[in-house]
């Protein structure tokens, strides 16, 4: 079954919300190189509160995009890793990120021009 993003009742929209969320995008980019601990994710991503990062990780785990592995150590160690489904997002997200980095100046300039005339 293939979804229809233009159907308001299609779950495809829920998936687009997840992968369109800036924190989810940054988690995928961070985990693309392999499993990471929570503090590494938080420090690498920057600007995300622990609460929001926890919510994002839980939602991504629920959606099958990542796994959470708890090691039986003292203190407990927890690592997050992308699943094959999560890894399949790496290329599209990297392409969008590259586009954003290449065009940030043009977008900021357009915003400034628009705001100056508004």
Protein backbone atom coordinates (compact mmCIF):
# COMPACT_ATOMS: atom_id res chain seq x y z
CA UNK A 1 0.00 0.00 0.00
CA UNK A 2 1.30 3.42 -0.92
CA UNK A 3 0.25 6.48 1.04
CA UNK A 4 -1.16 9.73 -0.30
CA UNK A 5 0.32 12.80 1.36
CA UNK A 6 -2.50 14.96 0.00
CA UNK A 7 -5.18 12.87 1.72
CA UNK A 8 -5.82 14.52 5.11
CA UNK A 9 -6.66 11.12 6.63
CA UNK A 10 -3.53 9.35 5.39
CA UNK A 11 -0.88 8.42 8.00
CA UNK A 12 1.73 9.65 5.54
CA UNK A 13 1.22 13.09 7.04
CA UNK A 14 2.26 11.79 10.46
CA UNK A 15 5.47 10.47 8.96
CA UNK A 16 6.14 13.77 7.22
CA UNK A 17 5.65 15.55 10.53
CA UNK A 18 8.24 13.26 12.15
CA UNK A 19 10.90 13.56 9.46
CA UNK A 20 10.18 17.26 8.98
CA UNK A 21 10.85 18.00 12.63
CA UNK A 22 14.21 19.76 13.02
CA UNK A 23 15.22 17.67 16.02
CA UNK A 24 14.48 14.39 14.22
CA UNK A 25 16.53 15.55 11.25
CA UNK A 26 19.47 16.41 13.49
CA UNK A 27 19.19 13.09 15.36
CA UNK A 28 19.36 11.19 12.05
CA UNK A 29 22.40 13.20 10.97
CA UNK A 30 24.13 12.59 14.31
CA UNK A 31 23.37 8.86 14.43
CA UNK A 32 24.35 8.30 10.78
CA UNK A 33 27.92 7.57 11.91
CA UNK A 34 26.84 4.99 14.49
CA UNK A 35 25.32 4.60 17.96
CA UNK A 36 25.55 7.49 20.38
CA UNK A 37 24.71 8.17 24.00
CA UNK A 38 22.13 10.75 25.05
CA UNK A 39 24.69 13.31 26.21
CA UNK A 40 26.61 13.03 22.94
CA UNK A 41 23.39 13.60 20.99
CA UNK A 42 22.45 16.58 23.16
CA UNK A 43 25.89 18.14 22.94
CA UNK A 44 26.26 17.56 19.19
CA UNK A 45 22.81 18.84 18.30
CA UNK A 46 22.99 21.88 20.57
CA UNK A 47 20.06 24.07 21.55
CA UNK A 48 17.74 21.19 22.37
CA UNK A 49 16.50 20.72 25.91
CA UNK A 50 16.84 17.28 27.48
CA UNK A 51 13.04 17.03 27.69
CA UNK A 52 12.53 17.76 23.99
CA UNK A 53 15.36 15.43 22.98
CA UNK A 54 13.86 12.65 25.12
CA UNK A 55 10.45 13.20 23.49
CA UNK A 56 12.01 13.16 20.04
CA UNK A 57 13.98 9.97 20.71
CA UNK A 58 10.90 8.21 22.11
CA UNK A 59 8.80 9.22 19.10
CA UNK A 60 11.51 8.10 16.68
CA UNK A 61 11.81 4.78 18.51
CA UNK A 62 8.04 4.34 18.35
CA UNK A 63 8.14 5.03 14.60
CA UNK A 64 10.83 2.38 14.11
CA UNK A 65 13.55 4.85 13.15
CA UNK A 66 15.93 4.12 16.01
CA UNK A 67 16.64 1.67 18.78
CA UNK A 68 17.46 2.28 22.43
CA UNK A 69 19.87 -0.17 24.00
CA UNK A 70 20.38 -0.21 27.79
CA UNK A 71 23.62 -1.84 28.93
CA UNK A 72 23.66 -3.65 32.28
CA UNK A 73 26.37 -1.51 33.83
CA UNK A 74 26.69 0.72 36.87
CA UNK A 75 25.87 3.44 36.13
CA UNK A 76 23.56 2.28 33.32
CA UNK A 77 24.70 3.16 29.82
CA UNK A 78 22.13 3.82 27.11
CA UNK A 79 22.88 4.08 23.41
CA UNK A 80 20.68 5.07 20.52
CA UNK A 81 21.19 3.78 16.99
CA UNK A 82 19.36 4.11 13.70
CA UNK A 83 17.44 1.11 12.45
CA UNK A 84 17.67 0.17 8.75
CA UNK A 85 14.51 2.26 8.27
CA UNK A 86 16.15 5.22 10.03
CA UNK A 87 19.33 4.76 7.97
CA UNK A 88 17.24 4.94 4.80
CA UNK A 89 16.48 8.57 5.74
CA UNK A 90 20.16 9.53 5.82
CA UNK A 91 20.55 10.34 2.11
CA UNK A 92 17.39 12.43 1.71
CA UNK A 93 18.10 14.33 4.93
CA UNK A 94 21.72 14.94 3.94
CA UNK A 95 20.53 16.26 0.55
CA UNK A 96 18.08 18.68 2.20
CA UNK A 97 20.72 19.75 4.73
CA UNK A 98 23.23 20.40 1.96
CA UNK A 99 20.64 22.46 0.07
CA UNK A 100 19.91 24.48 3.23
CA UNK A 101 23.60 25.13 3.86
CA UNK A 102 24.20 26.18 0.25
CA UNK A 103 21.16 28.48 0.13
CA UNK A 104 21.04 29.96 3.62
CA UNK A 105 22.42 33.29 2.43
CA UNK A 106 19.80 33.63 -0.33
CA UNK A 107 16.95 32.71 2.05
CA UNK A 108 18.12 35.15 4.74
CA UNK A 109 18.48 37.88 2.10
CA UNK A 110 14.96 37.20 0.79
CA UNK A 111 13.55 37.34 4.31
CA UNK A 112 15.30 40.61 5.03
CA UNK A 113 14.03 42.12 1.76
CA UNK A 114 10.50 40.95 2.47
CA UNK A 115 10.54 42.22 6.05
CA UNK A 116 11.91 45.60 4.96
CA UNK A 117 8.96 46.14 2.60
CA UNK A 118 6.28 44.65 4.86
